[in-house]
Amino acid sequence: MTETLETIRTGLYIGGAERSTSDTLAIADPAKPGVIVGHAASATKEDVADAVAAAKAAYPAWSALSAIERARVMAEAIAGIADERDADAAVLSQENGKVRFEAWVDALVFEIRWNLALMLADEVDTGKTLPVVPGIPVETVVSYQSLGVVTVIVPFNWPIAILGAALPHALLAGNTAIVKPPPSAPLATTRVVQRLAEKLPPGVLNVVTGEDENMSGLISNTEVAKVCFTGSVNGGKRMMELASSTLTRVTLELGGNDAAIFLEDAIIDDIHLDRLYAAIYDTTGQICMNAKRVYVHNSRLDEVVAGLSERLGKAVIGYGLDEGTTMGPLHSPVQKAFVEEIIQEAKDAGADVREFGELPGGDLAGGNFLRPAIVINPDSSLRVVTQEQFGPVIPVIGFASEAEAVALANDTWGGLCGSVWTADPAAATRVGSQLVCGYVWVNDHGATRLDLRAPFGGMKQSGFGREQGIEGIRAFQDTRSIATIDAAALAAQAH
């Protein structure tokens, strides 16, 4: 493989010091075959153990601070994080494939989530007191305690933003942390985390990159109290297997097969169609909370198909850093092959498959590019319906009644998000409350409109646990109850 003229290099960051490794990960550009974006350190099992030990050593002093004190230190650490955002975005665009603006937003969302977490500092240490009542002669103070060392594992698609849904909450709760960026796109995330870690006490925040086979110590080490993992269903199952040996706690966000439901009275204008288009095709379809199935009342199906088709006809498929590109490549050749396969399966089954745009040539020929597609009314057994596509293809399926739409939406393995599109607020509430998922939008869908203050997480095989908000902080804490006998109440009870 050839290399670019100026490649980026990142190391490990453990216990307040950068560390290089003899082996490195060569990070491929998904758009340009043979091009290496940069090299990331590849940790050994010993490096991983050192990171856990560093986080453990830093934990007593960090957890002894009040949440208000930790928030002050964390606010100082995040200051100036945007100074290198343009460079971070350029790196992320090259290693991930997404367009530059999305990469810039990826890093911006991290900062927003960090600061929103700090706004909750007053609530973090707030417990409650259970008073003496007849038959219970004790007063019990229920407070919150941190867990210890936690590991946060993020995926390739929105790695910096997704990190922001867990890392600041874990630290503010009083834990110390180890971040594991994705092995196929670790560079930008490592850059951001190291800049933060350098401004925190040594060992409070560490970053480790490397091959997955050397990383089990981030989960199964007895000193790791919790793992927060975002990734695939199979990856989540593997996390649980590793964590089971030490009873390490886990929070899992494992993607979804999210349904968008357009009721008969849905507003289908340019504003709403733009929202739907973004909800499906942003990041070339590689977002866990993207719409993966669109159900439309039969009387409105043609309008939705026409609106999406018009927008897809303007898509510019190309290099993420190039001006005018609206859709980059898929991140990996494996994912490209899977999406190609499910599109071909739909064609072979006789489904109405419509593809758009032109694939780029030149030095982009052979990159992980696909023409975006719509599949109209496919059989419900096809994988383009039953599986998370994680690519630029969407099934658009008609329904006759509200009850049918709800049943179809819930007939899936996952339950991360969903959306209801209607002019009737009562209908939105009625339908939305029947969807088996953790988050529902009304007349919108997708990451751009996610309320970053609200708890976020899935149902069914989309995982369990919640991130963001005070619920996200409590996910990195547990209760401690201290009960004191009330002598007078005990004496009265004796009589």
Protein backbone atom coordinates (compact mmCIF):
# COMPACT_ATOMS: atom_id res chain seq x y z
CA MET A 1 0.00 0.00 0.00
CA THR A 2 1.14 3.55 -0.72
CA GLU A 3 1.08 6.35 1.82
CA THR A 4 0.03 9.95 1.71
CA LEU A 5 2.84 12.50 1.89
CA GLU A 6 1.94 13.61 5.41
CA THR A 7 0.42 10.96 7.59
CA ILE A 8 -0.90 11.52 11.09
CA ARG A 9 0.48 9.62 14.05
CA THR A 10 -1.13 9.16 17.45
CA GLY A 11 0.12 7.37 20.54
CA LEU A 12 -1.38 5.96 23.67
CA TYR A 13 -1.99 8.30 26.60
CA ILE A 14 -1.63 6.57 29.96
CA GLY A 15 -1.22 8.07 33.41
CA GLY A 16 -0.54 11.56 32.15
CA ALA A 17 2.07 10.63 29.54
CA GLU A 18 2.05 9.84 25.84
CA ARG A 19 3.37 6.41 24.99
CA SER A 20 4.53 5.03 21.64
CA THR A 21 4.38 1.39 20.61
CA SER A 22 6.52 -0.80 18.41
CA ASP A 23 3.48 -1.91 16.42
CA THR A 24 1.02 0.51 14.87
CA LEU A 25 -2.34 0.43 13.16
CA ALA A 26 -2.27 1.63 9.55
CA ILE A 27 -5.48 3.61 9.03
CA ALA A 28 -6.87 3.28 5.52
CA ASP A 29 -8.71 5.98 3.60
CA PRO A 30 -12.07 4.37 2.69
CA ALA A 31 -12.39 6.53 -0.41
CA LYS A 32 -8.94 6.03 -1.91
CA PRO A 33 -7.69 2.48 -2.34
CA GLY A 34 -4.09 2.07 -1.21
CA VAL A 35 -3.91 5.36 0.67
CA ILE A 36 -3.02 5.44 4.36
CA VAL A 37 -4.37 8.36 6.39
CA GLY A 38 -2.12 7.81 9.38
CA HIS A 39 -0.84 5.45 12.03
CA ALA A 40 -2.17 4.86 15.54
CA ALA A 41 -0.34 3.17 18.37
CA SER A 42 -1.17 -0.51 18.81
CA ALA A 43 -1.26 -1.35 22.50
CA THR A 44 -0.03 -4.60 23.98
CA LYS A 45 -1.90 -6.38 26.76
CA GLU A 46 0.67 -4.89 29.13
CA ASP A 47 -0.14 -1.37 27.91
CA VAL A 48 -3.81 -2.05 28.57
CA ALA A 49 -3.06 -3.30 32.07
CA ASP A 50 -0.98 -0.16 32.68
CA ALA A 51 -3.91 2.02 31.60
CA VAL A 52 -6.22 0.26 34.07
CA ALA A 53 -3.60 0.62 36.81
CA ALA A 54 -3.18 4.33 36.06
CA ALA A 55 -6.91 4.93 36.21
CA LYS A 56 -7.14 2.96 39.46
CA ALA A 57 -4.31 5.00 41.01
CA ALA A 58 -6.00 8.28 40.07
CA TYR A 59 -9.43 7.22 41.30
CA PRO A 60 -9.19 7.92 45.08
CA ALA A 61 -8.25 11.58 44.70
CA TRP A 62 -10.66 12.22 41.80
CA SER A 63 -13.63 10.55 43.49
CA ALA A 64 -12.92 12.40 46.74
CA LEU A 65 -13.68 15.71 45.04
CA SER A 66 -17.25 16.98 45.07
CA ALA A 67 -19.11 16.97 41.77
CA ILE A 68 -18.91 20.77 41.77
CA GLU A 69 -15.13 20.60 42.10
CA ARG A 70 -14.84 17.99 39.35
CA ALA A 71 -17.03 20.12 37.10
CA ARG A 72 -14.71 23.09 37.58
CA VAL A 73 -11.68 21.02 36.56
CA MET A 74 -13.56 19.56 33.60
CA ALA A 75 -14.68 23.01 32.45
CA GLU A 76 -11.06 24.13 32.40
CA ALA A 77 -10.10 21.01 30.45
CA ILE A 78 -12.68 21.53 27.69
CA ALA A 79 -11.76 25.20 27.22
CA GLY A 80 -10.07 25.66 23.87
CA ILE A 81 -11.02 22.23 22.56
CA ALA A 82 -12.41 23.89 19.42
CA ASP A 83 -9.10 25.49 18.53
CA GLU A 84 -8.09 22.44 16.50
CA ARG A 85 -11.59 21.47 15.36
CA ASP A 86 -10.94 22.16 11.69
CA ALA A 87 -7.90 19.88 11.79
CA ASP A 88 -9.77 17.23 13.79
CA ALA A 89 -12.58 17.30 11.25
CA ALA A 90 -10.19 16.91 8.33
CA VAL A 91 -8.59 13.89 9.98
CA LEU A 92 -11.95 12.32 10.80
CA SER A 93 -13.26 12.90 7.30
CA GLN A 94 -10.27 11.10 5.81
CA GLU A 95 -10.27 8.11 8.15
CA ASN A 96 -14.05 7.72 8.32
CA GLY A 97 -15.13 8.84 4.84
CA LYS A 98 -17.86 11.24 5.95
CA VAL A 99 -18.08 14.72 4.48
CA ARG A 100 -16.02 17.41 6.20
CA PHE A 101 -19.02 19.29 7.65
CA GLU A 102 -20.36 16.15 9.34
CA ALA A 103 -16.91 15.49 10.80
CA TRP A 104 -16.84 19.06 12.14
CA VAL A 105 -20.27 18.58 13.73
CA ASP A 106 -19.08 15.26 15.19
CA ALA A 107 -16.47 17.12 17.24
CA LEU A 108 -18.84 20.00 18.04
CA VAL A 109 -21.44 17.64 19.55
CA PHE A 110 -18.79 16.26 21.89
CA GLU A 111 -18.17 19.72 23.32
CA ILE A 112 -21.90 20.41 23.62
CA ARG A 113 -22.50 17.13 25.45
CA TRP A 114 -19.56 17.76 27.76
CA ASN A 115 -20.90 21.17 28.76
CA LEU A 116 -24.46 19.90 29.15
CA ALA A 117 -23.18 17.26 31.56
CA LEU A 118 -21.41 19.92 33.62
CA MET A 119 -24.71 21.77 33.97
CA LEU A 120 -25.93 18.81 36.04
CA ALA A 121 -23.16 19.11 38.63
CA ASP A 122 -25.55 20.35 41.33
CA GLU A 123 -27.64 17.17 41.03
CA VAL A 124 -24.83 14.60 41.00
CA ASP A 125 -24.29 14.41 44.77
CA THR A 126 -27.91 15.02 45.71
CA GLY A 127 -29.36 12.10 47.64
CA LYS A 128 -32.40 11.75 49.88
CA THR A 129 -33.28 10.97 53.48
CA LEU A 130 -35.81 8.32 54.48
CA PRO A 131 -37.33 9.40 57.82
CA VAL A 132 -38.43 7.27 60.75
CA VAL A 133 -41.88 5.76 60.20
CA PRO A 134 -43.95 3.36 62.32
CA GLY A 135 -42.24 -0.02 62.34
CA ILE A 136 -38.92 1.30 60.99
CA PRO A 137 -36.95 3.00 63.79
CA VAL A 138 -34.14 4.26 61.58
CA GLU A 139 -33.33 7.29 59.53
CA THR A 140 -31.57 6.33 56.30
CA VAL A 141 -29.55 8.62 54.09
CA VAL A 142 -29.42 7.40 50.49
CA SER A 143 -26.51 8.90 48.54
CA TYR A 144 -24.69 8.16 45.32
CA GLN A 145 -21.20 6.73 44.93
CA SER A 146 -19.00 6.38 41.88
CA LEU A 147 -18.05 2.96 40.56
CA GLY A 148 -14.30 3.18 39.97
CA VAL A 149 -12.48 2.61 36.68
CA VAL A 150 -14.72 2.65 33.61
CA THR A 151 -14.04 1.89 29.95
CA VAL A 152 -15.81 3.73 27.12
CA ILE A 153 -15.69 2.02 23.71
CA VAL A 154 -16.90 4.00 20.69
CA PRO A 155 -17.58 3.03 17.04
CA PHE A 156 -16.25 4.44 13.78
CA ASN A 157 -19.32 6.33 12.55
CA TRP A 158 -19.63 9.26 15.00
CA PRO A 159 -16.84 8.42 17.42
CA ILE A 160 -16.21 11.81 19.03
CA ALA A 161 -19.88 12.75 19.39
CA ILE A 162 -20.80 9.32 20.76
CA LEU A 163 -17.96 9.57 23.27
CA GLY A 164 -19.59 12.77 24.53
CA ALA A 165 -22.73 10.86 25.50
CA ALA A 166 -20.82 8.88 28.14
CA LEU A 167 -17.35 10.17 29.00
CA PRO A 168 -18.21 13.49 30.70
CA HIS A 169 -20.98 11.79 32.67
CA ALA A 170 -18.61 9.07 33.85
CA LEU A 171 -15.98 11.58 34.95
CA LEU A 172 -18.44 13.96 36.60
CA ALA A 173 -19.91 11.02 38.52
CA GLY A 174 -16.46 10.52 40.07
CA ASN A 175 -15.04 7.70 37.99
CA THR A 176 -11.74 7.58 36.14
CA ALA A 177 -11.83 6.44 32.53
CA ILE A 178 -10.11 4.67 29.69
CA VAL A 179 -11.29 5.49 26.17
CA LYS A 180 -10.94 2.97 23.36
CA PRO A 181 -11.39 4.59 19.95
CA PRO A 182 -12.41 2.42 16.97
CA PRO A 183 -9.46 0.52 15.47
CA SER A 184 -10.42 1.48 11.91
CA ALA A 185 -10.76 5.23 12.65
CA PRO A 186 -8.93 6.12 15.88
CA LEU A 187 -6.93 9.18 14.93
CA ALA A 188 -9.25 12.16 15.44
CA THR A 189 -10.79 10.70 18.61
CA THR A 190 -7.36 10.07 20.11
CA ARG A 191 -6.31 13.65 19.31
CA VAL A 192 -9.34 15.10 21.11
CA VAL A 193 -9.13 12.80 24.14
CA GLN A 194 -5.41 13.39 24.64
CA ARG A 195 -5.85 17.17 24.63
CA LEU A 196 -8.46 16.80 27.37
CA ALA A 197 -6.44 14.26 29.35
CA GLU A 198 -3.42 16.58 29.40
CA LYS A 199 -5.52 19.13 31.32
CA LEU A 200 -6.89 16.64 33.87
CA PRO A 201 -4.99 15.05 36.76
CA PRO A 202 -2.74 12.21 35.50
CA GLY A 203 -4.61 8.92 35.16
CA VAL A 204 -8.10 10.40 35.34
CA LEU A 205 -8.47 10.05 31.55
CA ASN A 206 -6.50 7.62 29.41
CA VAL A 207 -6.74 6.56 25.76
CA VAL A 208 -5.72 3.19 24.35
CA THR A 209 -5.77 2.14 20.69
CA GLY A 210 -4.91 -1.19 19.15
CA GLU A 211 -6.01 -4.56 17.88
CA ASP A 212 -9.11 -5.99 19.53
CA GLU A 213 -7.32 -9.18 20.59
CA ASN A 214 -5.18 -7.15 22.99
CA MET A 215 -8.07 -5.19 24.46
CA SER A 216 -9.91 -7.73 26.60
CA GLY A 217 -8.28 -6.28 29.70
CA LEU A 218 -10.38 -3.15 29.24
CA ILE A 219 -13.43 -5.29 30.02
CA SER A 220 -12.41 -8.38 31.98
CA ASN A 221 -9.81 -6.83 34.31
CA THR A 222 -11.22 -7.11 37.84
CA GLU A 223 -10.38 -3.45 38.43
CA VAL A 224 -12.73 -2.28 35.64
CA ALA A 225 -16.10 -1.53 37.21
CA LYS A 226 -18.08 -0.74 34.07
CA VAL A 227 -17.92 -0.80 30.29
CA CYS A 228 -19.99 1.50 28.09
CA PHE A 229 -20.05 0.10 24.54
CA THR A 230 -21.58 1.42 21.34
CA GLY A 231 -21.45 -0.89 18.35
CA SER A 232 -23.08 -3.92 16.75
CA VAL A 233 -25.39 -6.48 18.35
CA ASN A 234 -22.73 -9.17 18.02
CA GLY A 235 -20.18 -6.81 19.52
CA GLY A 236 -22.50 -6.20 22.46
CA LYS A 237 -22.91 -9.91 23.04
CA ARG A 238 -19.14 -10.26 23.06
CA MET A 239 -18.89 -7.45 25.63
CA MET A 240 -21.33 -9.28 27.90
CA GLU A 241 -19.38 -12.51 27.55
CA LEU A 242 -16.11 -10.82 28.50
CA ALA A 243 -17.75 -8.88 31.33
CA SER A 244 -19.49 -11.93 32.78
CA SER A 245 -16.25 -13.41 34.14
CA THR A 246 -15.76 -10.43 36.45
CA LEU A 247 -19.38 -9.27 36.71
CA THR A 248 -18.33 -5.98 35.16
CA ARG A 249 -21.35 -3.79 34.53
CA VAL A 250 -22.24 -2.90 30.95
CA THR A 251 -24.22 -0.27 29.10
CA LEU A 252 -24.87 -1.30 25.50
CA GLU A 253 -26.08 0.80 22.56
CA LEU A 254 -26.28 -1.62 19.66
CA GLY A 255 -27.93 0.14 16.76
CA GLY A 256 -31.45 -0.31 15.52
CA ASN A 257 -33.87 -0.91 12.70
CA ASP A 258 -35.77 2.29 13.31
CA ALA A 259 -39.14 2.94 11.73
CA ALA A 260 -40.48 6.28 10.50
CA ILE A 261 -44.29 6.25 10.25
CA PHE A 262 -46.09 8.71 7.94
CA LEU A 263 -49.77 8.82 8.88
CA GLU A 264 -52.45 9.76 6.38
CA ASP A 265 -52.44 13.42 7.44
CA ALA A 266 -48.64 13.80 7.45
CA ILE A 267 -47.24 17.12 6.25
CA ILE A 268 -45.15 16.21 3.22
CA ASP A 269 -43.50 19.43 2.08
CA ASP A 270 -39.91 20.42 1.35
CA ILE A 271 -39.10 21.06 5.02
CA HIS A 272 -40.31 17.64 6.13
CA LEU A 273 -38.85 15.83 3.14
CA ASP A 274 -35.46 17.44 3.80
CA ARG A 275 -35.65 16.18 7.37
CA LEU A 276 -36.53 12.67 6.22
CA TYR A 277 -33.77 12.64 3.63
CA ALA A 278 -31.18 13.62 6.25
CA ALA A 279 -32.58 11.04 8.65
CA ILE A 280 -31.95 8.29 6.09
CA TYR A 281 -28.83 9.29 4.16
CA ASP A 282 -26.67 11.35 6.52
CA THR A 283 -23.24 9.72 6.96
CA THR A 284 -24.12 7.50 3.97
CA GLY A 285 -26.71 5.80 6.16
CA GLN A 286 -24.18 4.84 8.83
CA ILE A 287 -25.88 6.25 11.94
CA CYS A 288 -27.46 4.02 14.58
CA MET A 289 -30.51 6.26 14.97
CA ASN A 290 -31.10 6.83 11.26
CA ALA A 291 -34.45 5.79 9.84
CA LYS A 292 -33.99 2.27 8.51
CA ARG A 293 -37.60 1.59 7.42
CA VAL A 294 -40.18 4.13 6.23
CA TYR A 295 -43.86 3.20 6.52
CA VAL A 296 -46.25 5.49 4.65
CA HIS A 297 -50.03 5.46 4.43
CA ASN A 298 -50.90 4.03 1.03
CA SER A 299 -52.53 7.28 -0.06
CA ARG A 300 -49.28 9.23 0.49
CA LEU A 301 -46.67 6.70 -0.61
CA ASP A 302 -46.02 8.23 -4.03
CA GLU A 303 -45.40 11.67 -2.50
CA VAL A 304 -42.70 10.36 -0.18
CA VAL A 305 -41.02 8.35 -2.94
CA ALA A 306 -41.07 11.37 -5.27
CA GLY A 307 -39.66 13.67 -2.59
CA LEU A 308 -36.79 11.31 -1.74
CA SER A 309 -36.12 10.66 -5.42
CA GLU A 310 -35.82 14.35 -6.17
CA ARG A 311 -33.26 14.78 -3.40
CA LEU A 312 -31.31 11.68 -4.32
CA GLY A 313 -31.09 12.96 -7.87
CA LYS A 314 -29.01 15.87 -6.54
CA ALA A 315 -26.67 13.75 -4.43
CA VAL A 316 -22.98 14.23 -5.18
CA ILE A 317 -21.03 11.10 -4.33
CA GLY A 318 -17.38 11.79 -3.73
CA TYR A 319 -14.47 12.50 -1.43
CA GLY A 320 -15.43 13.85 1.97
CA LEU A 321 -12.98 16.77 1.85
CA ASP A 322 -13.99 17.87 -1.65
CA GLU A 323 -16.18 20.94 -2.00
CA GLY A 324 -19.68 19.99 -3.09
CA THR A 325 -19.59 16.37 -1.98
CA THR A 326 -22.84 15.43 -0.21
CA MET A 327 -22.29 11.69 0.26
CA GLY A 328 -19.01 9.95 1.02
CA PRO A 329 -18.06 6.29 0.87
CA LEU A 330 -19.05 3.55 3.24
CA HIS A 331 -16.43 3.08 5.91
CA SER A 332 -15.35 -0.47 5.12
CA PRO A 333 -15.24 -2.82 2.15
CA VAL A 334 -17.10 -5.39 4.24
CA GLN A 335 -20.01 -3.03 4.82
CA LYS A 336 -20.06 -2.02 1.17
CA ALA A 337 -20.28 -5.69 0.19
CA PHE A 338 -23.15 -6.29 2.63
CA VAL A 339 -25.21 -3.35 1.39
CA GLU A 340 -24.59 -4.34 -2.23
CA GLU A 341 -25.77 -7.83 -1.36
CA ILE A 342 -29.05 -6.79 0.23
CA ILE A 343 -29.80 -4.41 -2.67
CA GLN A 344 -29.16 -7.21 -5.16
CA GLU A 345 -31.31 -9.57 -3.09
CA ALA A 346 -34.19 -7.10 -3.35
CA LYS A 347 -33.70 -6.82 -7.13
CA ASP A 348 -33.61 -10.60 -7.50
CA ALA A 349 -36.87 -10.84 -5.53
CA GLY A 350 -38.54 -8.50 -8.03
CA ALA A 351 -38.74 -5.46 -5.76
CA ASP A 352 -38.91 -1.96 -7.25
CA VAL A 353 -35.33 -0.77 -6.62
CA ARG A 354 -34.36 2.74 -7.74
CA GLU A 355 -30.72 3.85 -7.63
CA PHE A 356 -29.37 7.37 -8.01
CA GLY A 357 -26.18 9.33 -8.59
CA GLU A 358 -22.89 8.57 -10.26
CA LEU A 359 -19.94 6.76 -8.73
CA PRO A 360 -16.69 8.75 -8.76
CA GLY A 361 -13.70 7.75 -10.85
CA GLY A 362 -10.04 8.65 -10.92
CA ASP A 363 -8.21 7.99 -7.66
CA LEU A 364 -11.61 7.29 -6.06
CA ALA A 365 -12.40 4.39 -8.38
CA GLY A 366 -12.58 1.25 -6.28
CA GLY A 367 -13.33 3.18 -3.08
CA ASN A 368 -16.17 2.07 -0.83
CA PHE A 369 -18.77 4.05 -2.77
CA LEU A 370 -22.34 2.99 -3.52
CA ARG A 371 -25.18 4.62 -5.38
CA PRO A 372 -27.97 5.45 -2.88
CA ALA A 373 -31.22 3.59 -3.39
CA ILE A 374 -34.91 3.37 -2.51
CA VAL A 375 -36.69 0.00 -2.40
CA ILE A 376 -40.45 0.40 -2.80
CA ASN A 377 -42.82 -2.03 -1.10
CA PRO A 378 -40.37 -4.93 -0.80
CA ASP A 379 -41.46 -8.21 0.72
CA SER A 380 -41.18 -7.94 4.51
CA SER A 381 -38.88 -11.00 4.64
CA LEU A 382 -36.09 -9.36 2.63
CA ARG A 383 -32.97 -8.34 4.53
CA VAL A 384 -33.29 -4.73 3.36
CA VAL A 385 -36.29 -4.68 5.72
CA THR A 386 -35.31 -7.09 8.48
CA GLN A 387 -31.69 -6.07 9.02
CA GLU A 388 -30.00 -2.77 9.79
CA GLN A 389 -28.67 -1.70 6.41
CA PHE A 390 -26.11 0.81 7.74
CA GLY A 391 -25.81 2.12 4.23
CA PRO A 392 -27.52 4.40 1.69
CA VAL A 393 -30.63 2.30 1.01
CA ILE A 394 -34.12 2.48 2.49
CA PRO A 395 -37.31 0.43 2.12
CA VAL A 396 -40.45 2.57 1.73
CA ILE A 397 -43.51 0.49 2.53
CA GLY A 398 -47.22 1.28 2.39
CA PHE A 399 -49.80 0.56 5.08
CA ALA A 400 -53.57 0.83 5.33
CA SER A 401 -54.26 1.57 9.01
CA GLU A 402 -52.62 3.06 12.05
CA ALA A 403 -52.74 -0.28 13.85
CA GLU A 404 -50.99 -1.97 10.94
CA ALA A 405 -48.27 0.70 10.93
CA VAL A 406 -47.57 0.24 14.65
CA ALA A 407 -47.46 -3.55 14.26
CA LEU A 408 -45.06 -3.33 11.33
CA ALA A 409 -42.82 -0.83 13.13
CA ASN A 410 -42.56 -3.04 16.22
CA ASP A 411 -42.01 -6.25 14.25
CA THR A 412 -38.24 -6.13 14.47
CA TRP A 413 -35.31 -7.20 16.61
CA GLY A 414 -34.36 -3.69 17.72
CA GLY A 415 -35.88 -0.75 19.49
CA LEU A 416 -33.57 2.25 19.51
CA CYS A 417 -35.63 5.08 17.99
CA GLY A 418 -38.68 5.77 15.88
CA SER A 419 -40.68 8.67 14.50
CA VAL A 420 -44.28 9.65 13.80
CA TRP A 421 -45.15 12.14 11.06
CA THR A 422 -48.59 13.68 11.41
CA ALA A 423 -50.41 17.01 11.65
CA ASP A 424 -52.31 15.76 14.72
CA PRO A 425 -50.47 16.04 18.06
CA ALA A 426 -52.86 13.55 19.65
CA ALA A 427 -52.09 11.00 16.95
CA ALA A 428 -48.38 11.58 17.41
CA THR A 429 -48.65 10.83 21.11
CA ARG A 430 -50.98 7.89 20.56
CA VAL A 431 -48.76 6.20 17.99
CA GLY A 432 -45.46 7.24 19.52
CA SER A 433 -46.38 5.78 22.88
CA GLN A 434 -46.98 2.39 21.27
CA LEU A 435 -43.54 2.15 19.65
CA VAL A 436 -41.20 -0.20 21.52
CA CYS A 437 -38.10 1.96 21.50
CA GLY A 438 -36.19 4.37 23.69
CA TYR A 439 -36.68 7.63 21.78
CA VAL A 440 -39.40 8.96 19.45
CA TRP A 441 -39.39 12.06 17.26
CA VAL A 442 -42.51 13.82 15.95
CA ASN A 443 -42.32 15.18 12.40
CA ASP A 444 -38.58 14.65 12.36
CA HIS A 445 -36.04 11.89 12.82
CA GLY A 446 -32.33 11.55 13.36
CA ALA A 447 -29.25 12.77 15.12
CA THR A 448 -29.57 16.41 14.09
CA ARG A 449 -32.69 16.81 16.24
CA LEU A 450 -31.72 14.59 19.18
CA ASP A 451 -32.32 16.38 22.48
CA LEU A 452 -28.87 16.03 24.03
CA ARG A 453 -30.33 16.56 27.51
CA ALA A 454 -32.65 13.55 27.35
CA PRO A 455 -31.82 9.95 28.30
CA PHE A 456 -30.91 7.92 25.23
CA GLY A 457 -30.77 4.17 24.72
CA GLY A 458 -32.56 1.18 23.31
CA MET A 459 -35.00 -1.62 23.93
CA LYS A 460 -34.82 -5.27 22.87
CA GLN A 461 -31.56 -6.07 21.05
CA SER A 462 -30.74 -2.40 20.62
CA GLY A 463 -29.19 -2.72 24.06
CA PHE A 464 -29.86 -1.47 27.55
CA GLY A 465 -28.87 1.35 29.85
CA ARG A 466 -29.17 5.05 29.18
CA GLU A 467 -26.76 7.81 28.24
CA GLN A 468 -27.11 11.62 28.52
CA GLY A 469 -28.86 13.63 31.19
CA ILE A 470 -28.91 12.85 34.91
CA GLU A 471 -29.89 9.30 33.95
CA GLY A 472 -26.61 9.01 32.08
CA ILE A 473 -24.72 10.12 35.17
CA ARG A 474 -26.61 7.70 37.42
CA ALA A 475 -25.59 4.93 35.00
CA PHE A 476 -22.02 5.51 36.25
CA GLN A 477 -23.01 5.55 39.93
CA ASP A 478 -24.67 3.34 42.49
CA THR A 479 -26.49 4.11 45.70
CA ARG A 480 -25.11 3.89 49.22
CA SER A 481 -27.55 3.76 52.14
CA ILE A 482 -26.43 4.72 55.64
CA ALA A 483 -29.03 3.90 58.30
CA THR A 484 -28.92 5.35 61.84
CA ILE A 485 -31.09 3.94 64.62
CA ASP A 486 -33.38 6.48 66.24
CA ALA A 487 -33.25 5.60 69.92
CA ALA A 488 -36.60 7.16 70.81
CA ALA A 489 -38.39 5.44 67.95
CA LEU A 490 -36.78 2.12 68.86
CA ALA A 491 -37.83 2.52 72.49
CA ALA A 492 -41.38 3.41 71.48
CA GLN A 493 -41.51 0.38 69.22
CA ALA A 494 -40.41 -1.85 72.13
CA HIS A 495 -43.52 -0.82 74.02
